[in-house]
């Protein structure tokens, strides 16, 4: 199965359109969104073309393909306007003999992970910084941000197929790669 993983759209119609163009190129089986879909939050500047209603209209047609975890900017009202579940705190996905624990990253973080079995993968968004770090007992992955990248990183997403994770910018250029051992 081929996954596309993205986080932190923050209501940007402009960058959501670019993400959907990337989805057309990538042709994933599923899209995993790691939260903060519609609102920018008080710590971020408004992203380019901030238009949550437009983002809603772009995401709802994908309802059958989307899995989502709740970000720190999601609220119950978001579930009233989105046609796919957005309020789960985490989701667990099998990754071969390992487990991928996907969450936004504002409760469980790279430095404060949930209970994991050695070899498992913690996947979060929230920091807006793409990252791959092997912590010995677990591997930490972050796709970065679609609309508000930080620390000089790119507007981007991640793909996951088999044992390969690829970080890409919104134009599709590979930025980082990690292969599960």
N, C-alpha and C. Protein backbone atom coordinates (compact mmCIF):
# COMPACT_ATOMS: atom_id res chain seq x y z
N UNK A 1 0.84 -1.18 0.00
CA UNK A 1 0.00 0.00 0.00
C UNK A 1 0.88 1.24 0.00
N UNK A 2 0.48 2.22 -0.76
CA UNK A 2 1.21 3.48 -0.87
C UNK A 2 0.46 4.57 -0.10
N UNK A 3 1.15 5.22 0.84
CA UNK A 3 0.58 6.27 1.66
C UNK A 3 1.21 7.61 1.30
N UNK A 4 0.43 8.66 1.41
CA UNK A 4 0.93 10.02 1.38
C UNK A 4 0.64 10.59 2.77
N UNK A 5 1.62 11.23 3.37
CA UNK A 5 1.50 11.72 4.74
C UNK A 5 1.79 13.21 4.74
N UNK A 6 0.90 13.98 5.34
CA UNK A 6 1.07 15.43 5.37
C UNK A 6 0.56 15.97 6.70
N UNK A 7 1.03 17.15 7.04
CA UNK A 7 0.64 17.76 8.31
C UNK A 7 0.60 19.28 8.18
N UNK A 8 -0.16 19.88 9.06
CA UNK A 8 -0.13 21.33 9.27
C UNK A 8 -0.45 22.13 8.01
N UNK A 9 -1.67 21.91 7.50
CA UNK A 9 -2.16 22.70 6.37
C UNK A 9 -2.56 24.11 6.82
N UNK A 10 -3.06 24.22 8.03
CA UNK A 10 -3.41 25.49 8.67
C UNK A 10 -4.29 26.40 7.82
N UNK A 11 -5.24 25.81 7.10
CA UNK A 11 -6.22 26.59 6.38
C UNK A 11 -5.75 27.28 5.12
N UNK A 12 -4.58 26.91 4.63
CA UNK A 12 -4.06 27.54 3.41
C UNK A 12 -4.64 26.87 2.17
N UNK A 13 -5.51 27.60 1.47
CA UNK A 13 -6.07 27.07 0.22
C UNK A 13 -4.96 26.92 -0.82
N UNK A 14 -4.03 27.85 -0.86
CA UNK A 14 -2.94 27.81 -1.83
C UNK A 14 -2.12 26.53 -1.69
N UNK A 15 -1.64 26.26 -0.49
CA UNK A 15 -0.79 25.09 -0.30
C UNK A 15 -1.57 23.78 -0.30
N UNK A 16 -2.85 23.82 0.07
CA UNK A 16 -3.68 22.62 -0.05
C UNK A 16 -3.86 22.25 -1.51
N UNK A 17 -4.05 23.24 -2.38
CA UNK A 17 -4.13 22.96 -3.82
C UNK A 17 -2.84 22.28 -4.31
N UNK A 18 -1.70 22.80 -3.87
CA UNK A 18 -0.42 22.19 -4.28
C UNK A 18 -0.29 20.77 -3.73
N UNK A 19 -0.77 20.54 -2.52
CA UNK A 19 -0.74 19.19 -1.96
C UNK A 19 -1.61 18.25 -2.79
N UNK A 20 -2.78 18.71 -3.21
CA UNK A 20 -3.67 17.87 -4.02
C UNK A 20 -3.09 17.62 -5.40
N UNK A 21 -2.36 18.59 -5.95
CA UNK A 21 -1.64 18.35 -7.21
C UNK A 21 -0.57 17.28 -7.02
N UNK A 22 0.13 17.34 -5.89
CA UNK A 22 1.13 16.30 -5.58
C UNK A 22 0.44 14.95 -5.41
N UNK A 23 -0.73 14.94 -4.83
CA UNK A 23 -1.48 13.69 -4.68
C UNK A 23 -1.83 13.10 -6.03
N UNK A 24 -2.22 13.95 -6.97
CA UNK A 24 -2.50 13.48 -8.33
C UNK A 24 -1.26 12.83 -8.95
N UNK A 25 -0.09 13.40 -8.70
CA UNK A 25 1.16 12.83 -9.23
C UNK A 25 1.52 11.53 -8.53
N UNK A 26 1.40 11.52 -7.20
CA UNK A 26 1.85 10.38 -6.39
C UNK A 26 0.90 9.19 -6.47
N UNK A 27 -0.38 9.44 -6.66
CA UNK A 27 -1.41 8.40 -6.71
C UNK A 27 -1.35 7.46 -5.50
N UNK A 28 -1.42 8.00 -4.28
CA UNK A 28 -1.41 7.13 -3.10
C UNK A 28 -2.73 6.38 -2.94
N UNK A 29 -2.67 5.26 -2.22
CA UNK A 29 -3.90 4.55 -1.86
C UNK A 29 -4.65 5.28 -0.76
N UNK A 30 -3.91 5.90 0.15
CA UNK A 30 -4.49 6.61 1.29
C UNK A 30 -3.68 7.86 1.58
N UNK A 31 -4.36 8.84 2.18
CA UNK A 31 -3.73 10.07 2.65
C UNK A 31 -3.87 10.10 4.16
N UNK A 32 -2.76 10.24 4.87
CA UNK A 32 -2.76 10.37 6.32
C UNK A 32 -2.42 11.81 6.65
N UNK A 33 -3.36 12.49 7.31
CA UNK A 33 -3.15 13.87 7.73
C UNK A 33 -2.89 13.89 9.23
N UNK A 34 -1.83 14.57 9.63
CA UNK A 34 -1.40 14.58 11.02
C UNK A 34 -1.86 15.82 11.78
N UNK A 35 -3.01 16.36 11.39
CA UNK A 35 -3.64 17.42 12.16
C UNK A 35 -3.33 18.84 11.73
N UNK A 36 -4.01 19.77 12.39
CA UNK A 36 -3.95 21.21 12.13
C UNK A 36 -4.31 21.51 10.67
N UNK A 37 -5.54 21.12 10.32
CA UNK A 37 -6.00 21.24 8.94
C UNK A 37 -6.54 22.62 8.59
N UNK A 38 -7.37 23.20 9.45
CA UNK A 38 -8.14 24.38 9.05
C UNK A 38 -7.70 25.70 9.67
N UNK A 39 -7.13 25.68 10.84
CA UNK A 39 -6.83 26.94 11.54
C UNK A 39 -5.34 27.15 11.72
N UNK A 40 -4.95 28.41 11.79
CA UNK A 40 -3.52 28.74 11.87
C UNK A 40 -2.98 28.72 13.29
N UNK A 41 -3.82 28.88 14.28
CA UNK A 41 -3.38 28.88 15.67
C UNK A 41 -2.77 30.22 16.05
N UNK A 42 -2.71 30.53 17.33
CA UNK A 42 -2.23 31.84 17.77
C UNK A 42 -0.72 32.03 17.67
N UNK A 43 0.04 30.96 17.47
CA UNK A 43 1.50 31.09 17.40
C UNK A 43 2.02 31.24 15.99
N UNK A 44 1.15 31.09 14.99
CA UNK A 44 1.57 31.15 13.59
C UNK A 44 0.99 32.38 12.91
N UNK A 45 1.75 32.91 11.96
CA UNK A 45 1.19 33.94 11.10
C UNK A 45 0.18 33.27 10.16
N UNK A 46 -0.69 34.08 9.58
CA UNK A 46 -1.63 33.53 8.61
C UNK A 46 -0.85 33.00 7.41
N UNK A 47 -1.17 31.78 6.97
CA UNK A 47 -0.49 31.25 5.78
C UNK A 47 -1.05 31.90 4.52
N UNK A 48 -0.36 31.69 3.42
CA UNK A 48 -0.78 32.21 2.13
C UNK A 48 -2.18 31.70 1.78
N UNK A 49 -3.03 32.61 1.34
CA UNK A 49 -4.43 32.30 0.98
C UNK A 49 -5.15 31.54 2.10
N UNK A 50 -5.12 32.11 3.29
CA UNK A 50 -5.83 31.52 4.42
C UNK A 50 -7.32 31.52 4.12
N UNK A 51 -7.90 30.35 3.93
CA UNK A 51 -9.31 30.22 3.55
C UNK A 51 -9.82 28.84 3.97
N UNK A 52 -10.08 28.66 5.28
CA UNK A 52 -10.52 27.35 5.76
C UNK A 52 -11.71 26.75 5.01
N UNK A 53 -12.68 27.57 4.61
CA UNK A 53 -13.84 27.03 3.89
C UNK A 53 -13.42 26.43 2.55
N UNK A 54 -12.45 27.02 1.89
CA UNK A 54 -11.95 26.45 0.63
C UNK A 54 -11.22 25.14 0.89
N UNK A 55 -10.47 25.08 1.98
CA UNK A 55 -9.76 23.85 2.32
C UNK A 55 -10.77 22.74 2.61
N UNK A 56 -11.84 23.06 3.32
CA UNK A 56 -12.91 22.09 3.58
C UNK A 56 -13.44 21.53 2.26
N UNK A 57 -13.73 22.42 1.32
CA UNK A 57 -14.29 22.00 0.03
C UNK A 57 -13.30 21.14 -0.76
N UNK A 58 -12.02 21.36 -0.57
CA UNK A 58 -11.02 20.55 -1.28
C UNK A 58 -10.82 19.18 -0.63
N UNK A 59 -10.91 19.12 0.70
CA UNK A 59 -10.64 17.86 1.41
C UNK A 59 -11.84 16.92 1.46
N UNK A 60 -13.04 17.45 1.58
CA UNK A 60 -14.21 16.58 1.72
C UNK A 60 -14.39 15.56 0.60
N UNK A 61 -14.10 15.87 -0.65
CA UNK A 61 -14.24 14.85 -1.70
C UNK A 61 -13.28 13.66 -1.52
N UNK A 62 -12.26 13.82 -0.68
CA UNK A 62 -11.29 12.75 -0.45
C UNK A 62 -11.65 11.86 0.74
N UNK A 63 -12.84 12.05 1.29
CA UNK A 63 -13.22 11.40 2.55
C UNK A 63 -12.93 9.90 2.58
N UNK A 64 -13.13 9.18 1.50
CA UNK A 64 -12.88 7.75 1.51
C UNK A 64 -11.42 7.37 1.54
N UNK A 65 -10.54 8.30 1.24
CA UNK A 65 -9.10 8.03 1.20
C UNK A 65 -8.34 8.56 2.41
N UNK A 66 -8.99 9.37 3.25
CA UNK A 66 -8.28 10.12 4.29
C UNK A 66 -8.38 9.48 5.65
N UNK A 67 -7.24 9.38 6.31
CA UNK A 67 -7.16 9.09 7.74
C UNK A 67 -6.58 10.34 8.37
N UNK A 68 -7.04 10.70 9.56
CA UNK A 68 -6.58 11.94 10.17
C UNK A 68 -6.48 11.78 11.67
N UNK A 69 -5.48 12.43 12.26
CA UNK A 69 -5.40 12.54 13.71
C UNK A 69 -5.60 14.01 14.07
N UNK A 70 -6.02 14.22 15.29
CA UNK A 70 -6.35 15.55 15.79
C UNK A 70 -5.08 16.34 16.11
N UNK A 71 -5.03 17.55 15.59
CA UNK A 71 -3.95 18.46 15.95
C UNK A 71 -4.37 19.36 17.09
N UNK A 72 -3.45 20.17 17.57
CA UNK A 72 -3.77 21.07 18.66
C UNK A 72 -4.70 22.21 18.22
N UNK A 73 -4.89 22.41 16.92
CA UNK A 73 -5.81 23.44 16.42
C UNK A 73 -7.17 22.89 16.03
N UNK A 74 -7.38 21.57 16.10
CA UNK A 74 -8.68 20.99 15.75
C UNK A 74 -9.65 21.15 16.92
N UNK A 75 -10.92 21.32 16.59
CA UNK A 75 -11.98 21.41 17.59
C UNK A 75 -13.20 20.63 17.09
N UNK A 76 -14.15 20.42 17.97
CA UNK A 76 -15.33 19.66 17.61
C UNK A 76 -16.06 20.26 16.41
N UNK A 77 -16.02 21.57 16.27
CA UNK A 77 -16.70 22.22 15.15
C UNK A 77 -16.09 21.78 13.81
N UNK A 78 -14.81 21.44 13.80
CA UNK A 78 -14.18 20.96 12.57
C UNK A 78 -14.82 19.66 12.10
N UNK A 79 -15.18 18.80 13.06
CA UNK A 79 -15.81 17.54 12.69
C UNK A 79 -17.20 17.78 12.08
N UNK A 80 -17.81 18.89 12.43
CA UNK A 80 -19.13 19.21 11.89
C UNK A 80 -19.07 19.59 10.41
N UNK A 81 -17.91 20.04 9.94
CA UNK A 81 -17.79 20.49 8.55
C UNK A 81 -16.96 19.56 7.67
N UNK A 82 -16.23 18.65 8.27
CA UNK A 82 -15.41 17.71 7.50
C UNK A 82 -16.09 16.35 7.44
N UNK A 83 -15.99 15.69 6.30
CA UNK A 83 -16.69 14.43 6.06
C UNK A 83 -15.87 13.19 6.42
N UNK A 84 -14.78 13.35 7.13
CA UNK A 84 -13.96 12.24 7.58
C UNK A 84 -13.56 12.51 9.02
N UNK A 85 -13.29 11.47 9.81
CA UNK A 85 -12.96 11.67 11.22
C UNK A 85 -11.67 12.48 11.40
N UNK A 86 -11.72 13.47 12.30
CA UNK A 86 -10.55 14.32 12.55
C UNK A 86 -10.22 14.45 14.04
N UNK A 87 -10.92 13.74 14.90
CA UNK A 87 -10.74 13.96 16.33
C UNK A 87 -10.02 12.82 17.06
N UNK A 88 -9.47 11.85 16.33
CA UNK A 88 -8.72 10.78 16.99
C UNK A 88 -7.36 11.32 17.44
N UNK A 89 -6.96 10.96 18.65
CA UNK A 89 -5.68 11.44 19.17
C UNK A 89 -4.50 10.75 18.51
N UNK A 90 -4.71 9.54 18.01
CA UNK A 90 -3.63 8.81 17.36
C UNK A 90 -4.22 7.74 16.46
N UNK A 91 -3.38 7.18 15.63
CA UNK A 91 -3.77 5.99 14.86
C UNK A 91 -2.56 5.08 14.78
N UNK A 92 -2.83 3.78 14.77
CA UNK A 92 -1.79 2.76 14.72
C UNK A 92 -1.85 2.05 13.39
N UNK A 93 -0.71 1.95 12.73
CA UNK A 93 -0.65 1.29 11.43
C UNK A 93 0.46 0.24 11.45
N UNK A 94 0.19 -0.96 10.95
CA UNK A 94 1.25 -1.95 10.87
C UNK A 94 2.29 -1.54 9.83
N UNK A 95 3.54 -1.72 10.20
CA UNK A 95 4.65 -1.40 9.30
C UNK A 95 5.58 -2.62 9.28
N UNK A 96 5.17 -3.63 8.55
CA UNK A 96 5.91 -4.89 8.58
C UNK A 96 5.76 -5.51 9.95
N UNK A 97 6.88 -5.82 10.60
CA UNK A 97 6.85 -6.37 11.96
C UNK A 97 6.89 -5.27 13.02
N UNK A 98 6.85 -4.04 12.58
CA UNK A 98 6.88 -2.90 13.48
C UNK A 98 5.50 -2.24 13.50
N UNK A 99 5.36 -1.26 14.36
CA UNK A 99 4.12 -0.50 14.46
C UNK A 99 4.43 0.97 14.23
N UNK A 100 3.60 1.62 13.45
CA UNK A 100 3.72 3.05 13.24
C UNK A 100 2.64 3.73 14.09
N UNK A 101 3.08 4.56 15.03
CA UNK A 101 2.18 5.29 15.93
C UNK A 101 2.12 6.72 15.41
N UNK A 102 0.98 7.09 14.81
CA UNK A 102 0.81 8.42 14.22
C UNK A 102 -0.02 9.30 15.14
N UNK A 103 0.51 10.47 15.45
CA UNK A 103 -0.18 11.45 16.30
C UNK A 103 0.29 12.83 15.88
N UNK A 104 -0.37 13.87 16.34
CA UNK A 104 0.01 15.21 15.89
C UNK A 104 1.38 15.62 16.43
N UNK A 105 1.64 15.37 17.69
CA UNK A 105 2.95 15.71 18.25
C UNK A 105 2.91 16.79 19.31
N UNK A 106 1.74 17.20 19.73
CA UNK A 106 1.66 18.21 20.79
C UNK A 106 1.52 17.56 22.18
N UNK A 107 1.15 16.29 22.24
CA UNK A 107 1.09 15.56 23.51
C UNK A 107 2.28 14.61 23.59
N UNK A 108 2.36 13.68 22.66
CA UNK A 108 3.52 12.81 22.56
C UNK A 108 4.48 13.43 21.55
N UNK A 109 5.73 13.52 21.94
CA UNK A 109 6.73 14.21 21.13
C UNK A 109 7.94 13.31 20.90
N UNK A 110 8.87 13.80 20.13
CA UNK A 110 10.12 13.06 19.90
C UNK A 110 10.81 12.76 21.22
N UNK A 111 10.80 13.70 22.14
CA UNK A 111 11.49 13.52 23.42
C UNK A 111 10.60 12.92 24.50
N UNK A 112 9.30 12.86 24.26
CA UNK A 112 8.35 12.27 25.21
C UNK A 112 7.39 11.36 24.44
N UNK A 113 7.91 10.21 23.97
CA UNK A 113 7.08 9.32 23.15
C UNK A 113 6.09 8.53 23.99
N UNK A 114 5.06 7.97 23.33
CA UNK A 114 4.17 7.04 24.02
C UNK A 114 4.92 5.73 24.26
N UNK A 115 4.28 4.80 24.94
CA UNK A 115 4.89 3.47 25.12
C UNK A 115 5.00 2.80 23.76
N UNK A 116 6.19 2.50 23.36
CA UNK A 116 6.45 1.84 22.09
C UNK A 116 7.28 0.60 22.32
N UNK A 117 7.17 -0.35 21.42
CA UNK A 117 8.01 -1.54 21.44
C UNK A 117 9.28 -1.23 20.65
N UNK A 118 10.43 -1.73 21.08
CA UNK A 118 11.66 -1.44 20.32
C UNK A 118 11.48 -1.71 18.83
N UNK A 119 11.90 -0.74 18.01
CA UNK A 119 11.77 -0.84 16.57
C UNK A 119 10.56 -0.12 16.00
N UNK A 120 9.62 0.29 16.88
CA UNK A 120 8.44 0.99 16.40
C UNK A 120 8.79 2.38 15.90
N UNK A 121 7.84 2.99 15.21
CA UNK A 121 8.03 4.30 14.58
C UNK A 121 7.03 5.28 15.17
N UNK A 122 7.52 6.42 15.64
CA UNK A 122 6.66 7.51 16.09
C UNK A 122 6.62 8.54 14.97
N UNK A 123 5.42 8.81 14.46
CA UNK A 123 5.21 9.74 13.36
C UNK A 123 4.38 10.91 13.86
N UNK A 124 4.94 12.12 13.80
CA UNK A 124 4.20 13.31 14.24
C UNK A 124 4.38 14.44 13.23
N UNK A 125 3.53 15.44 13.38
CA UNK A 125 3.69 16.71 12.69
C UNK A 125 4.06 17.74 13.75
N UNK A 126 3.28 18.82 13.85
CA UNK A 126 3.32 19.83 14.89
C UNK A 126 4.52 20.77 14.87
N UNK A 127 5.73 20.26 14.70
CA UNK A 127 6.91 21.13 14.78
C UNK A 127 7.13 21.92 13.50
N UNK A 128 6.53 21.45 12.40
CA UNK A 128 6.68 22.07 11.08
C UNK A 128 8.09 21.89 10.53
N UNK A 129 8.83 20.93 11.09
CA UNK A 129 10.22 20.68 10.67
C UNK A 129 10.35 19.21 10.27
N UNK A 130 10.70 18.92 9.01
CA UNK A 130 10.89 17.53 8.59
C UNK A 130 12.05 16.92 9.36
N UNK A 131 11.88 15.65 9.75
CA UNK A 131 12.94 15.03 10.54
C UNK A 131 12.84 13.52 10.48
N UNK A 132 14.00 12.88 10.58
CA UNK A 132 14.12 11.44 10.75
C UNK A 132 15.23 11.24 11.78
N UNK A 133 14.90 10.61 12.91
CA UNK A 133 15.89 10.42 13.98
C UNK A 133 15.72 9.04 14.59
N UNK A 134 16.81 8.29 14.64
CA UNK A 134 16.81 6.96 15.27
C UNK A 134 17.19 7.14 16.73
N UNK A 135 16.26 6.82 17.62
CA UNK A 135 16.49 6.95 19.05
C UNK A 135 16.83 5.60 19.69
N UNK A 136 17.24 4.64 18.90
CA UNK A 136 17.60 3.33 19.43
C UNK A 136 16.39 2.45 19.63
N UNK A 137 15.54 2.79 20.58
CA UNK A 137 14.33 2.00 20.84
C UNK A 137 13.21 2.30 19.85
N UNK A 138 13.23 3.46 19.24
CA UNK A 138 12.21 3.83 18.27
C UNK A 138 12.81 4.82 17.27
N UNK A 139 12.12 4.97 16.15
CA UNK A 139 12.51 5.95 15.13
C UNK A 139 11.45 7.03 15.11
N UNK A 140 11.90 8.28 15.06
CA UNK A 140 11.01 9.42 15.00
C UNK A 140 11.00 9.98 13.58
N UNK A 141 9.78 10.16 13.02
CA UNK A 141 9.62 10.73 11.69
C UNK A 141 8.65 11.90 11.74
N UNK A 142 8.94 12.95 10.97
CA UNK A 142 8.06 14.10 10.87
C UNK A 142 8.08 14.58 9.42
N UNK A 143 6.91 14.71 8.77
CA UNK A 143 6.90 15.14 7.37
C UNK A 143 7.12 16.63 7.18
N UNK A 144 7.14 17.41 8.26
CA UNK A 144 7.22 18.86 8.13
C UNK A 144 5.82 19.44 7.93
N UNK A 145 5.76 20.62 7.35
CA UNK A 145 4.48 21.32 7.19
C UNK A 145 4.19 21.58 5.72
N UNK A 146 2.93 21.43 5.37
CA UNK A 146 2.49 21.77 4.02
C UNK A 146 2.54 23.28 3.83
N UNK A 147 2.04 24.05 4.81
CA UNK A 147 1.84 25.48 4.57
C UNK A 147 2.76 26.43 5.34
N UNK A 148 3.28 26.03 6.49
CA UNK A 148 4.09 26.94 7.30
C UNK A 148 5.37 26.21 7.75
N UNK A 149 6.28 25.92 6.82
CA UNK A 149 7.50 25.23 7.24
C UNK A 149 8.36 26.14 8.13
N UNK A 150 9.11 25.51 9.01
CA UNK A 150 9.97 26.26 9.94
C UNK A 150 11.41 25.76 9.84
N UNK A 151 12.30 26.52 10.44
CA UNK A 151 13.73 26.20 10.49
C UNK A 151 14.35 26.05 9.10
N UNK A 152 13.89 26.86 8.16
CA UNK A 152 14.46 26.83 6.81
C UNK A 152 14.08 25.61 5.99
N UNK A 153 13.06 24.88 6.42
CA UNK A 153 12.65 23.67 5.69
C UNK A 153 11.71 24.04 4.54
N UNK A 154 11.27 23.04 3.84
CA UNK A 154 10.46 23.21 2.63
C UNK A 154 8.99 22.94 2.91
N UNK A 155 8.11 23.47 2.06
CA UNK A 155 6.69 23.12 2.06
C UNK A 155 6.64 21.70 1.50
N UNK A 156 6.14 20.74 2.28
CA UNK A 156 6.21 19.39 1.76
C UNK A 156 5.34 18.37 2.44
N UNK A 157 5.63 17.13 2.12
CA UNK A 157 4.88 15.96 2.56
C UNK A 157 5.83 14.77 2.54
N UNK A 158 5.29 13.62 2.87
CA UNK A 158 6.06 12.38 2.90
C UNK A 158 5.26 11.30 2.19
N UNK A 159 5.95 10.36 1.58
CA UNK A 159 5.30 9.16 1.07
C UNK A 159 5.88 7.96 1.82
N UNK A 160 5.06 6.91 1.91
CA UNK A 160 5.50 5.67 2.56
C UNK A 160 4.96 4.52 1.73
N UNK A 161 5.89 3.70 1.27
CA UNK A 161 5.52 2.50 0.53
C UNK A 161 6.49 1.40 0.91
N UNK A 162 5.94 0.27 1.37
CA UNK A 162 6.80 -0.83 1.80
C UNK A 162 7.66 -0.41 2.97
N UNK A 163 8.96 -0.40 2.77
CA UNK A 163 9.89 -0.03 3.84
C UNK A 163 10.55 1.32 3.59
N UNK A 164 10.03 2.08 2.63
CA UNK A 164 10.67 3.33 2.24
C UNK A 164 9.80 4.53 2.57
N UNK A 165 10.38 5.48 3.26
CA UNK A 165 9.76 6.77 3.55
C UNK A 165 10.53 7.83 2.78
N UNK A 166 9.81 8.66 2.01
CA UNK A 166 10.43 9.74 1.25
C UNK A 166 9.81 11.07 1.66
N UNK A 167 10.65 12.06 1.92
CA UNK A 167 10.20 13.42 2.16
C UNK A 167 10.36 14.17 0.85
N UNK A 168 9.30 14.88 0.45
CA UNK A 168 9.33 15.61 -0.82
C UNK A 168 8.82 17.03 -0.63
N UNK A 169 9.33 17.93 -1.46
CA UNK A 169 8.73 19.26 -1.48
C UNK A 169 7.47 19.19 -2.33
N UNK A 170 6.67 20.25 -2.33
CA UNK A 170 5.39 20.20 -3.02
C UNK A 170 5.51 20.08 -4.53
N UNK A 171 6.70 20.34 -5.07
CA UNK A 171 6.93 20.12 -6.50
C UNK A 171 7.28 18.67 -6.80
N UNK A 172 7.50 17.86 -5.74
CA UNK A 172 7.78 16.44 -5.91
C UNK A 172 9.24 16.06 -5.83
N UNK A 173 10.12 17.03 -5.58
CA UNK A 173 11.55 16.73 -5.49
C UNK A 173 11.86 16.06 -4.15
N UNK A 174 12.58 14.95 -4.21
CA UNK A 174 12.94 14.23 -3.00
C UNK A 174 13.92 15.06 -2.18
N UNK A 175 13.64 15.16 -0.88
CA UNK A 175 14.48 15.94 0.03
C UNK A 175 15.21 15.04 1.05
N UNK A 176 14.59 13.91 1.40
CA UNK A 176 15.13 13.03 2.43
C UNK A 176 14.55 11.64 2.20
N UNK A 177 15.28 10.60 2.63
CA UNK A 177 14.83 9.22 2.46
C UNK A 177 15.25 8.43 3.70
N UNK A 178 14.36 7.51 4.12
CA UNK A 178 14.70 6.57 5.18
C UNK A 178 14.12 5.21 4.83
N UNK A 179 14.95 4.19 4.97
CA UNK A 179 14.54 2.80 4.72
C UNK A 179 14.47 2.09 6.07
N UNK A 180 13.35 1.43 6.32
CA UNK A 180 13.24 0.64 7.55
C UNK A 180 14.27 -0.49 7.49
N UNK A 181 14.96 -0.72 8.61
CA UNK A 181 15.93 -1.82 8.62
C UNK A 181 15.28 -3.18 8.56
